[in-house]
Amino acid sequence: MNRKTLDLWVGCFVALGIAAILFLALKVGNLSAANFAETYQVTAKFANIGGLKVRAPVKSAGVVVGRVSEIHFDSQTYEAVTVLTLDGRYHFPKDTFALILTAGLLGEQYVGLDPGGDEKMLVAGDTIAKTQSAVVLEKLISQFMFNKASEGPGNN
């Protein structure tokens, strides 16, 4: 094999390696999940979103049905407003319940949708009325410690 052919094969191999690294980086960052299918947006207000981030998954029955596209603070109601971009293939009743859940004990947080039984479906621009905020581990521990302290030393 001459020098030019060897250099060509090395160059192809390096280009393939860079493409593979770029693909993996996009996959890990959830940036390759760009879906060009029809979508619609709904909003949900939470008292506390914990560590929820933009691009976090929206799941129903364990299936990713959308992504969190925006998070902002409503200074009128003092709540966090999340904009959920849902796949157009999936439709949910108007009385759907939105919860902020954690994948595992210390895993990423995501929005879970628990469908209701209403005949009418959510459409673009609707607000999910029923929500449950994130469980904050520090709050649970402090409540437990406060309850134990209030029981007193003689009450077991």
C-alpha atoms as a PDB file:
ATOM      1  CA  MET A   1       0.000   0.000   0.000  1.00  0.00           C
ATOM      2  CA  ASN A   2       1.416   3.366  -0.902  1.00  0.00           C
ATOM      3  CA  ARG A   3       1.548   6.388   1.400  1.00  0.00           C
ATOM      4  CA  LYS A   4      -1.438   8.241  -0.166  1.00  0.00           C
ATOM      5  CA  THR A   5      -3.796   5.272   0.215  1.00  0.00           C
ATOM      6  CA  LEU A   6      -2.750   4.775   3.822  1.00  0.00           C
ATOM      7  CA  ASP A   7      -3.312   8.474   4.599  1.00  0.00           C
ATOM      8  CA  LEU A   8      -6.761   8.284   2.964  1.00  0.00           C
ATOM      9  CA  TRP A   9      -7.814   5.314   5.112  1.00  0.00           C
ATOM     10  CA  VAL A  10      -6.507   6.963   8.292  1.00  0.00           C
ATOM     11  CA  GLY A  11      -8.412  10.158   7.420  1.00  0.00           C
ATOM     12  CA  CYS A  12     -11.651   8.208   6.841  1.00  0.00           C
ATOM     13  CA  PHE A  13     -11.218   6.382  10.129  1.00  0.00           C
ATOM     14  CA  VAL A  14     -10.617   9.651  12.022  1.00  0.00           C
ATOM     15  CA  ALA A  15     -13.669  11.281  10.376  1.00  0.00           C
ATOM     16  CA  LEU A  16     -15.811   8.280  11.303  1.00  0.00           C
ATOM     17  CA  GLY A  17     -14.556   8.472  14.902  1.00  0.00           C
ATOM     18  CA  ILE A  18     -15.378  12.190  15.153  1.00  0.00           C
ATOM     19  CA  ALA A  19     -18.863  11.564  13.733  1.00  0.00           C
ATOM     20  CA  ALA A  20     -19.431   8.790  16.298  1.00  0.00           C
ATOM     21  CA  ILE A  21     -18.339  11.039  19.180  1.00  0.00           C
ATOM     22  CA  LEU A  22     -20.614  13.847  17.936  1.00  0.00           C
ATOM     23  CA  PHE A  23     -23.546  11.415  17.672  1.00  0.00           C
ATOM     24  CA  LEU A  24     -22.973  10.156  21.232  1.00  0.00           C
ATOM     25  CA  ALA A  25     -22.659  13.707  22.597  1.00  0.00           C
ATOM     26  CA  LEU A  26     -25.978  14.672  21.002  1.00  0.00           C
ATOM     27  CA  LYS A  27     -27.621  11.503  22.270  1.00  0.00           C
ATOM     28  CA  VAL A  28     -26.447  12.079  25.845  1.00  0.00           C
ATOM     29  CA  GLY A  29     -27.568  15.722  25.742  1.00  0.00           C
ATOM     30  CA  ASN A  30     -31.034  14.778  24.416  1.00  0.00           C
ATOM     31  CA  LEU A  31     -30.416  17.066  21.466  1.00  0.00           C
ATOM     32  CA  SER A  32     -30.808  14.378  18.854  1.00  0.00           C
ATOM     33  CA  ALA A  33     -34.403  13.871  19.908  1.00  0.00           C
ATOM     34  CA  ALA A  34     -35.476  16.626  17.552  1.00  0.00           C
ATOM     35  CA  ASN A  35     -38.805  15.397  16.359  1.00  0.00           C
ATOM     36  CA  PHE A  36     -40.220  16.934  13.221  1.00  0.00           C
ATOM     37  CA  ALA A  37     -43.659  15.423  13.808  1.00  0.00           C
ATOM     38  CA  GLU A  38     -46.704  17.497  14.702  1.00  0.00           C
ATOM     39  CA  THR A  39     -46.601  18.845  18.286  1.00  0.00           C
ATOM     40  CA  TYR A  40     -48.769  20.970  20.553  1.00  0.00           C
ATOM     41  CA  GLN A  41     -48.004  22.906  23.723  1.00  0.00           C
ATOM     42  CA  VAL A  42     -49.804  22.950  27.052  1.00  0.00           C
ATOM     43  CA  THR A  43     -48.833  24.654  30.306  1.00  0.00           C
ATOM     44  CA  ALA A  44     -48.794  23.417  33.874  1.00  0.00           C
ATOM     45  CA  LYS A  45     -48.207  25.446  37.055  1.00  0.00           C
ATOM     46  CA  PHE A  46     -46.345  23.958  40.010  1.00  0.00           C
ATOM     47  CA  ALA A  47     -45.642  25.335  43.493  1.00  0.00           C
ATOM     48  CA  ASN A  48     -42.169  23.737  43.375  1.00  0.00           C
ATOM     49  CA  ILE A  49     -40.428  22.160  40.388  1.00  0.00           C
ATOM     50  CA  GLY A  50     -37.366  20.943  42.307  1.00  0.00           C
ATOM     51  CA  GLY A  51     -34.555  20.231  39.842  1.00  0.00           C
ATOM     52  CA  LEU A  52     -36.705  20.034  36.711  1.00  0.00           C
ATOM     53  CA  LYS A  53     -34.886  21.365  33.657  1.00  0.00           C
ATOM     54  CA  VAL A  54     -35.766  22.424  30.146  1.00  0.00           C
ATOM     55  CA  ARG A  55     -35.644  19.416  27.763  1.00  0.00           C
ATOM     56  CA  ALA A  56     -36.661  17.062  30.591  1.00  0.00           C
ATOM     57  CA  PRO A  57     -38.916  14.270  29.349  1.00  0.00           C
ATOM     58  CA  VAL A  58     -42.685  14.246  29.729  1.00  0.00           C
ATOM     59  CA  LYS A  59     -43.821  10.662  30.281  1.00  0.00           C
ATOM     60  CA  SER A  60     -47.107   8.832  30.489  1.00  0.00           C
ATOM     61  CA  ALA A  61     -47.138   5.147  31.443  1.00  0.00           C
ATOM     62  CA  GLY A  62     -43.341   5.172  31.121  1.00  0.00           C
ATOM     63  CA  VAL A  63     -43.418   6.321  27.488  1.00  0.00           C
ATOM     64  CA  VAL A  64     -41.858   9.653  26.504  1.00  0.00           C
ATOM     65  CA  VAL A  65     -44.711  11.683  25.005  1.00  0.00           C
ATOM     66  CA  GLY A  66     -43.029  15.077  24.971  1.00  0.00           C
ATOM     67  CA  ARG A  67     -40.449  17.432  26.476  1.00  0.00           C
ATOM     68  CA  VAL A  68     -40.405  20.426  28.806  1.00  0.00           C
ATOM     69  CA  SER A  69     -39.758  23.326  26.424  1.00  0.00           C
ATOM     70  CA  GLU A  70     -39.855  26.303  28.787  1.00  0.00           C
ATOM     71  CA  ILE A  71     -39.823  27.105  32.507  1.00  0.00           C
ATOM     72  CA  HIS A  72     -40.517  30.531  33.972  1.00  0.00           C
ATOM     73  CA  PHE A  73     -41.740  32.115  37.207  1.00  0.00           C
ATOM     74  CA  ASP A  74     -45.195  33.711  37.434  1.00  0.00           C
ATOM     75  CA  SER A  75     -44.815  36.730  39.718  1.00  0.00           C
ATOM     76  CA  GLN A  76     -48.603  37.034  40.128  1.00  0.00           C
ATOM     77  CA  THR A  77     -49.255  33.557  41.544  1.00  0.00           C
ATOM     78  CA  TYR A  78     -45.672  32.835  42.729  1.00  0.00           C
ATOM     79  CA  GLU A  79     -45.641  29.538  40.889  1.00  0.00           C
ATOM     80  CA  ALA A  80     -43.340  27.942  38.349  1.00  0.00           C
ATOM     81  CA  VAL A  81     -44.964  27.719  34.923  1.00  0.00           C
ATOM     82  CA  THR A  82     -43.797  24.925  32.664  1.00  0.00           C
ATOM     83  CA  VAL A  83     -44.578  24.723  28.975  1.00  0.00           C
ATOM     84  CA  LEU A  84     -44.858  21.118  27.825  1.00  0.00           C
ATOM     85  CA  THR A  85     -44.444  20.282  24.146  1.00  0.00           C
ATOM     86  CA  LEU A  86     -46.369  17.070  23.498  1.00  0.00           C
ATOM     87  CA  ASP A  87     -46.221  14.810  20.464  1.00  0.00           C
ATOM     88  CA  GLY A  88     -49.286  15.264  18.254  1.00  0.00           C
ATOM     89  CA  ARG A  89     -49.853  11.501  18.180  1.00  0.00           C
ATOM     90  CA  TYR A  90     -50.788  11.522  21.867  1.00  0.00           C
ATOM     91  CA  HIS A  91     -53.912  13.224  23.188  1.00  0.00           C
ATOM     92  CA  PHE A  92     -54.848  13.529  26.852  1.00  0.00           C
ATOM     93  CA  PRO A  93     -58.153  14.310  28.590  1.00  0.00           C
ATOM     94  CA  LYS A  94     -58.678  17.802  30.054  1.00  0.00           C
ATOM     95  CA  ASP A  95     -58.605  16.402  33.608  1.00  0.00           C
ATOM     96  CA  THR A  96     -55.104  14.959  33.192  1.00  0.00           C
ATOM     97  CA  PHE A  97     -52.949  15.146  36.324  1.00  0.00           C
ATOM     98  CA  ALA A  98     -49.335  16.413  35.938  1.00  0.00           C
ATOM     99  CA  LEU A  99     -46.742  15.335  38.517  1.00  0.00           C
ATOM    100  CA  ILE A 100     -43.048  16.010  38.868  1.00  0.00           C
ATOM    101  CA  LEU A 101     -41.375  12.657  39.478  1.00  0.00           C
ATOM    102  CA  THR A 102     -37.816  11.433  39.922  1.00  0.00           C
ATOM    103  CA  ALA A 103     -36.239   8.589  37.971  1.00  0.00           C
ATOM    104  CA  GLY A 104     -34.644   6.561  40.758  1.00  0.00           C
ATOM    105  CA  LEU A 105     -33.570   7.835  44.163  1.00  0.00           C
ATOM    106  CA  LEU A 106     -31.223  10.547  42.919  1.00  0.00           C
ATOM    107  CA  GLY A 107     -32.064  10.487  39.208  1.00  0.00           C
ATOM    108  CA  GLU A 108     -33.285  13.142  36.829  1.00  0.00           C
ATOM    109  CA  GLN A 109     -36.668  14.716  37.320  1.00  0.00           C
ATOM    110  CA  TYR A 110     -39.383  14.524  34.702  1.00  0.00           C
ATOM    111  CA  VAL A 111     -43.050  15.407  34.287  1.00  0.00           C
ATOM    112  CA  GLY A 112     -45.449  12.482  34.522  1.00  0.00           C
ATOM    113  CA  LEU A 113     -48.910  12.729  33.013  1.00  0.00           C
ATOM    114  CA  ASP A 114     -51.683  10.681  34.595  1.00  0.00           C
ATOM    115  CA  PRO A 115     -54.701  10.760  32.242  1.00  0.00           C
ATOM    116  CA  GLY A 116     -58.163  11.379  33.619  1.00  0.00           C
ATOM    117  CA  GLY A 117     -61.502  10.289  32.249  1.00  0.00           C
ATOM    118  CA  ASP A 118     -62.897  13.465  30.686  1.00  0.00           C
ATOM    119  CA  GLU A 119     -64.429  13.263  27.219  1.00  0.00           C
ATOM    120  CA  LYS A 120     -62.799  16.536  26.103  1.00  0.00           C
ATOM    121  CA  MET A 121     -59.122  16.462  25.157  1.00  0.00           C
ATOM    122  CA  LEU A 122     -56.342  18.974  25.817  1.00  0.00           C
ATOM    123  CA  VAL A 123     -55.612  21.217  22.848  1.00  0.00           C
ATOM    124  CA  ALA A 124     -52.781  23.625  22.095  1.00  0.00           C
ATOM    125  CA  GLY A 125     -52.642  26.455  24.622  1.00  0.00           C
ATOM    126  CA  ASP A 126     -54.594  24.680  27.378  1.00  0.00           C
ATOM    127  CA  THR A 127     -53.446  24.636  30.993  1.00  0.00           C
ATOM    128  CA  ILE A 128     -53.340  21.449  33.032  1.00  0.00           C
ATOM    129  CA  ALA A 129     -55.287  22.355  36.167  1.00  0.00           C
ATOM    130  CA  LYS A 130     -54.333  19.450  38.431  1.00  0.00           C
ATOM    131  CA  THR A 131     -50.653  19.326  39.345  1.00  0.00           C
ATOM    132  CA  GLN A 132     -48.452  17.904  42.086  1.00  0.00           C
ATOM    133  CA  SER A 133     -45.132  19.554  42.863  1.00  0.00           C
ATOM    134  CA  ALA A 134     -41.782  17.856  43.238  1.00  0.00           C
ATOM    135  CA  VAL A 135     -40.995  16.055  46.467  1.00  0.00           C
ATOM    136  CA  VAL A 136     -38.085  17.854  48.107  1.00  0.00           C
ATOM    137  CA  LEU A 137     -36.020  15.423  50.161  1.00  0.00           C
ATOM    138  CA  GLU A 138     -34.772  18.129  52.544  1.00  0.00           C
ATOM    139  CA  LYS A 139     -38.361  19.086  53.436  1.00  0.00           C
ATOM    140  CA  LEU A 140     -39.275  15.483  54.203  1.00  0.00           C
ATOM    141  CA  ILE A 141     -36.243  15.047  56.451  1.00  0.00           C
ATOM    142  CA  SER A 142     -36.915  18.300  58.330  1.00  0.00           C
ATOM    143  CA  GLN A 143     -40.588  17.363  58.858  1.00  0.00           C
ATOM    144  CA  PHE A 144     -39.549  13.962  60.184  1.00  0.00           C
ATOM    145  CA  MET A 145     -36.992  15.514  62.537  1.00  0.00           C
ATOM    146  CA  PHE A 146     -39.486  18.148  63.735  1.00  0.00           C
ATOM    147  CA  ASN A 147     -42.142  15.493  64.444  1.00  0.00           C
ATOM    148  CA  LYS A 148     -39.635  13.369  66.374  1.00  0.00           C
ATOM    149  CA  ALA A 149     -38.492  16.397  68.393  1.00  0.00           C
ATOM    150  CA  SER A 150     -42.070  17.393  69.237  1.00  0.00           C
ATOM    151  CA  GLU A 151     -42.861  13.907  70.586  1.00  0.00           C
ATOM    152  CA  GLY A 152     -40.428  14.451  73.426  1.00  0.00           C
ATOM    153  CA  PRO A 153     -37.836  12.135  74.956  1.00  0.00           C
ATOM    154  CA  GLY A 154     -40.281   9.940  76.926  1.00  0.00           C
ATOM    155  CA  ASN A 155     -42.639   9.062  74.059  1.00  0.00           C
ATOM    156  CA  ASN A 156     -41.445   6.127  71.991  1.00  0.00           C
END
